[in-house]
Amino acid sequence: MKAKKIFAGLKWGFFIGIVGVLILSGSPAKGQPPENWTSGIACEVAPEAKITRVGWAMGETESGIMLFYEVGIMNVSEKPIRFKLTIYPLEGGPVSGYYPMRARKGKPFALEPKEEMVLKWPVLVKEMPKGFALVVKGWEEK
């Protein structure tokens, strides 16, 4: 009887972990990767943004080993702007999210001029990417 309860708890823990990873991995991506991109790392960046850091590594989670992208974006314009990053791996589906992801106390819902933010993006992939494209788009905070 006790083994059944443990197994049921593990099933729910796994389910909740997967749902959490899907939520944290960003919203479904729209748009396309850069034209004529077939290998390696490609970038298409809005003129108001600068990519300051790109990294990827396998990491351990409660659900097992996953791929984590780490991307830093800086606002190089003179106005607060919120950015959307979309990561297009060569294999698998795209992942996207926002900089900043949520409102911050005492700050606009955007990156201030010259502000940099580095975020990690977990992806349900269990192997290193053969290539990926980063697409950064932005819009002014109204």
C-alpha atoms as a PDB file:
ATOM      1  CA  MET A   1       0.000   0.000   0.000  1.00  0.00           C
ATOM      2  CA  LYS A   2       2.795   2.408   0.918  1.00  0.00           C
ATOM      3  CA  ALA A   3       4.587   1.696  -2.383  1.00  0.00           C
ATOM      4  CA  LYS A   4       1.430   2.672  -4.323  1.00  0.00           C
ATOM      5  CA  LYS A   5       1.288   6.037  -2.513  1.00  0.00           C
ATOM      6  CA  ILE A   6       4.954   6.690  -3.252  1.00  0.00           C
ATOM      7  CA  PHE A   7       4.481   5.768  -6.915  1.00  0.00           C
ATOM      8  CA  ALA A   8       1.387   8.011  -7.161  1.00  0.00           C
ATOM      9  CA  GLY A   9       3.363  10.866  -5.571  1.00  0.00           C
ATOM     10  CA  LEU A  10       6.192  10.371  -8.056  1.00  0.00           C
ATOM     11  CA  LYS A  11       3.761  10.464 -10.997  1.00  0.00           C
ATOM     12  CA  TRP A  12       2.251  13.761  -9.773  1.00  0.00           C
ATOM     13  CA  GLY A  13       5.710  15.191  -9.086  1.00  0.00           C
ATOM     14  CA  PHE A  14       6.818  14.317 -12.618  1.00  0.00           C
ATOM     15  CA  PHE A  15       3.629  15.813 -14.111  1.00  0.00           C
ATOM     16  CA  ILE A  16       3.968  19.045 -12.116  1.00  0.00           C
ATOM     17  CA  GLY A  17       7.662  19.259 -13.057  1.00  0.00           C
ATOM     18  CA  ILE A  18       6.900  18.940 -16.772  1.00  0.00           C
ATOM     19  CA  VAL A  19       4.132  21.563 -16.597  1.00  0.00           C
ATOM     20  CA  GLY A  20       6.483  23.906 -14.708  1.00  0.00           C
ATOM     21  CA  VAL A  21       9.218  23.473 -17.305  1.00  0.00           C
ATOM     22  CA  LEU A  22       6.770  24.190 -20.112  1.00  0.00           C
ATOM     23  CA  ILE A  23       5.640  27.381 -18.382  1.00  0.00           C
ATOM     24  CA  LEU A  24       9.213  28.490 -17.658  1.00  0.00           C
ATOM     25  CA  SER A  25      10.416  27.696 -21.145  1.00  0.00           C
ATOM     26  CA  GLY A  26       8.487  30.637 -22.562  1.00  0.00           C
ATOM     27  CA  SER A  27       5.548  31.117 -24.821  1.00  0.00           C
ATOM     28  CA  PRO A  28       5.155  29.515 -28.218  1.00  0.00           C
ATOM     29  CA  ALA A  29       7.289  31.299 -30.771  1.00  0.00           C
ATOM     30  CA  LYS A  30       5.953  33.141 -33.793  1.00  0.00           C
ATOM     31  CA  GLY A  31       7.918  34.182 -36.833  1.00  0.00           C
ATOM     32  CA  GLN A  32      10.853  32.561 -38.512  1.00  0.00           C
ATOM     33  CA  PRO A  33      14.592  32.114 -38.003  1.00  0.00           C
ATOM     34  CA  PRO A  34      16.934  34.203 -40.184  1.00  0.00           C
ATOM     35  CA  GLU A  35      16.802  33.460 -43.912  1.00  0.00           C
ATOM     36  CA  ASN A  36      19.397  31.076 -45.403  1.00  0.00           C
ATOM     37  CA  TRP A  37      20.437  29.804 -41.950  1.00  0.00           C
ATOM     38  CA  THR A  38      21.378  26.119 -42.015  1.00  0.00           C
ATOM     39  CA  SER A  39      24.058  25.569 -39.355  1.00  0.00           C
ATOM     40  CA  GLY A  40      25.953  27.064 -36.432  1.00  0.00           C
ATOM     41  CA  ILE A  41      24.726  30.049 -34.437  1.00  0.00           C
ATOM     42  CA  ALA A  42      22.818  32.825 -36.185  1.00  0.00           C
ATOM     43  CA  CYS A  43      21.507  36.089 -34.753  1.00  0.00           C
ATOM     44  CA  GLU A  44      18.912  38.585 -35.895  1.00  0.00           C
ATOM     45  CA  VAL A  45      18.841  41.448 -33.393  1.00  0.00           C
ATOM     46  CA  ALA A  46      16.723  44.602 -33.251  1.00  0.00           C
ATOM     47  CA  PRO A  47      18.812  47.810 -33.558  1.00  0.00           C
ATOM     48  CA  GLU A  48      17.798  48.788 -29.986  1.00  0.00           C
ATOM     49  CA  ALA A  49      19.282  45.599 -28.529  1.00  0.00           C
ATOM     50  CA  LYS A  50      22.691  44.026 -28.101  1.00  0.00           C
ATOM     51  CA  ILE A  51      23.305  40.382 -27.202  1.00  0.00           C
ATOM     52  CA  THR A  52      25.883  40.417 -24.414  1.00  0.00           C
ATOM     53  CA  ARG A  53      26.092  36.742 -23.496  1.00  0.00           C
ATOM     54  CA  VAL A  54      25.259  33.427 -25.133  1.00  0.00           C
ATOM     55  CA  GLY A  55      25.759  30.098 -23.450  1.00  0.00           C
ATOM     56  CA  TRP A  56      24.257  26.648 -23.407  1.00  0.00           C
ATOM     57  CA  ALA A  57      24.837  23.652 -21.182  1.00  0.00           C
ATOM     58  CA  MET A  58      23.186  20.508 -19.952  1.00  0.00           C
ATOM     59  CA  GLY A  59      21.843  20.800 -16.405  1.00  0.00           C
ATOM     60  CA  GLU A  60      20.281  18.519 -13.845  1.00  0.00           C
ATOM     61  CA  THR A  61      16.657  19.122 -12.809  1.00  0.00           C
ATOM     62  CA  GLU A  62      14.111  17.129 -10.824  1.00  0.00           C
ATOM     63  CA  SER A  63      12.853  15.752 -14.156  1.00  0.00           C
ATOM     64  CA  GLY A  64      16.344  14.700 -15.273  1.00  0.00           C
ATOM     65  CA  ILE A  65      18.948  16.267 -17.520  1.00  0.00           C
ATOM     66  CA  MET A  66      17.824  19.198 -19.690  1.00  0.00           C
ATOM     67  CA  LEU A  67      19.389  21.788 -21.967  1.00  0.00           C
ATOM     68  CA  PHE A  68      19.661  25.372 -20.645  1.00  0.00           C
ATOM     69  CA  TYR A  69      20.314  28.384 -22.866  1.00  0.00           C
ATOM     70  CA  GLU A  70      21.702  31.497 -21.161  1.00  0.00           C
ATOM     71  CA  VAL A  71      21.250  34.752 -23.098  1.00  0.00           C
ATOM     72  CA  GLY A  72      22.050  38.312 -22.044  1.00  0.00           C
ATOM     73  CA  ILE A  73      20.388  41.277 -23.739  1.00  0.00           C
ATOM     74  CA  MET A  74      21.224  44.968 -23.287  1.00  0.00           C
ATOM     75  CA  ASN A  75      19.018  47.925 -24.222  1.00  0.00           C
ATOM     76  CA  VAL A  76      21.283  50.219 -26.277  1.00  0.00           C
ATOM     77  CA  SER A  77      18.561  52.762 -27.058  1.00  0.00           C
ATOM     78  CA  GLU A  78      17.640  55.916 -25.125  1.00  0.00           C
ATOM     79  CA  LYS A  79      14.114  54.684 -24.213  1.00  0.00           C
ATOM     80  CA  PRO A  80      12.814  51.823 -22.027  1.00  0.00           C
ATOM     81  CA  ILE A  81      12.099  48.815 -24.236  1.00  0.00           C
ATOM     82  CA  ARG A  82      10.806  45.307 -23.566  1.00  0.00           C
ATOM     83  CA  PHE A  83      12.416  42.648 -25.738  1.00  0.00           C
ATOM     84  CA  LYS A  84      11.229  39.273 -26.990  1.00  0.00           C
ATOM     85  CA  LEU A  85      13.828  36.559 -27.536  1.00  0.00           C
ATOM     86  CA  THR A  86      13.066  33.528 -29.687  1.00  0.00           C
ATOM     87  CA  ILE A  87      15.509  30.615 -29.826  1.00  0.00           C
ATOM     88  CA  TYR A  88      15.219  28.427 -32.924  1.00  0.00           C
ATOM     89  CA  PRO A  89      17.208  25.189 -32.538  1.00  0.00           C
ATOM     90  CA  LEU A  90      18.103  23.289 -35.708  1.00  0.00           C
ATOM     91  CA  GLU A  91      16.350  20.267 -34.250  1.00  0.00           C
ATOM     92  CA  GLY A  92      13.153  20.649 -32.234  1.00  0.00           C
ATOM     93  CA  GLY A  93      10.685  23.452 -31.725  1.00  0.00           C
ATOM     94  CA  PRO A  94      11.426  27.108 -30.941  1.00  0.00           C
ATOM     95  CA  VAL A  95      11.217  28.671 -27.483  1.00  0.00           C
ATOM     96  CA  SER A  96      10.527  32.314 -26.707  1.00  0.00           C
ATOM     97  CA  GLY A  97      10.217  34.662 -23.769  1.00  0.00           C
ATOM     98  CA  TYR A  98      10.508  38.282 -22.690  1.00  0.00           C
ATOM     99  CA  TYR A  99      13.130  40.577 -21.125  1.00  0.00           C
ATOM    100  CA  PRO A 100      11.963  41.252 -18.452  1.00  0.00           C
ATOM    101  CA  MET A 101       9.601  38.300 -18.040  1.00  0.00           C
ATOM    102  CA  ARG A 102       7.443  40.042 -15.412  1.00  0.00           C
ATOM    103  CA  ALA A 103       6.996  43.428 -13.815  1.00  0.00           C
ATOM    104  CA  ARG A 104       9.699  44.446 -11.328  1.00  0.00           C
ATOM    105  CA  LYS A 105       9.000  46.501  -8.236  1.00  0.00           C
ATOM    106  CA  GLY A 106       9.814  50.173  -8.818  1.00  0.00           C
ATOM    107  CA  LYS A 107      10.944  49.666 -12.434  1.00  0.00           C
ATOM    108  CA  PRO A 108       9.146  49.907 -15.773  1.00  0.00           C
ATOM    109  CA  PHE A 109       7.995  46.731 -17.514  1.00  0.00           C
ATOM    110  CA  ALA A 110      10.977  47.115 -19.822  1.00  0.00           C
ATOM    111  CA  LEU A 111      14.754  47.313 -19.784  1.00  0.00           C
ATOM    112  CA  GLU A 112      16.017  50.806 -18.982  1.00  0.00           C
ATOM    113  CA  PRO A 113      18.534  52.423 -21.367  1.00  0.00           C
ATOM    114  CA  LYS A 114      21.930  50.689 -21.022  1.00  0.00           C
ATOM    115  CA  GLU A 115      20.403  48.029 -18.709  1.00  0.00           C
ATOM    116  CA  GLU A 116      21.461  44.410 -19.262  1.00  0.00           C
ATOM    117  CA  MET A 117      19.529  41.311 -18.230  1.00  0.00           C
ATOM    118  CA  VAL A 118      20.729  37.707 -18.399  1.00  0.00           C
ATOM    119  CA  LEU A 119      18.120  34.940 -18.289  1.00  0.00           C
ATOM    120  CA  LYS A 120      18.286  31.151 -18.484  1.00  0.00           C
ATOM    121  CA  TRP A 121      15.857  29.263 -20.702  1.00  0.00           C
ATOM    122  CA  PRO A 122      15.279  25.541 -19.935  1.00  0.00           C
ATOM    123  CA  VAL A 123      14.363  23.378 -22.912  1.00  0.00           C
ATOM    124  CA  LEU A 124      12.983  19.835 -22.990  1.00  0.00           C
ATOM    125  CA  VAL A 125      15.953  18.475 -24.938  1.00  0.00           C
ATOM    126  CA  LYS A 126      18.390  15.914 -23.646  1.00  0.00           C
ATOM    127  CA  GLU A 127      21.307  16.596 -26.006  1.00  0.00           C
ATOM    128  CA  MET A 128      23.491  19.513 -27.019  1.00  0.00           C
ATOM    129  CA  PRO A 129      22.236  21.549 -29.997  1.00  0.00           C
ATOM    130  CA  LYS A 130      23.904  21.244 -33.401  1.00  0.00           C
ATOM    131  CA  GLY A 131      23.020  24.888 -33.998  1.00  0.00           C
ATOM    132  CA  PHE A 132      20.478  27.543 -33.114  1.00  0.00           C
ATOM    133  CA  ALA A 133      19.327  31.008 -34.104  1.00  0.00           C
ATOM    134  CA  LEU A 134      18.566  33.886 -31.741  1.00  0.00           C
ATOM    135  CA  VAL A 135      15.967  36.441 -32.826  1.00  0.00           C
ATOM    136  CA  VAL A 136      15.510  39.567 -30.658  1.00  0.00           C
ATOM    137  CA  LYS A 137      12.622  41.961 -31.268  1.00  0.00           C
ATOM    138  CA  GLY A 138      11.617  44.949 -29.169  1.00  0.00           C
ATOM    139  CA  TRP A 139       9.000  47.618 -28.669  1.00  0.00           C
ATOM    140  CA  GLU A 140       8.848  50.820 -26.625  1.00  0.00           C
ATOM    141  CA  GLU A 141       7.169  50.875 -23.228  1.00  0.00           C
ATOM    142  CA  LYS A 142       4.021  53.004 -23.519  1.00  0.00           C
END
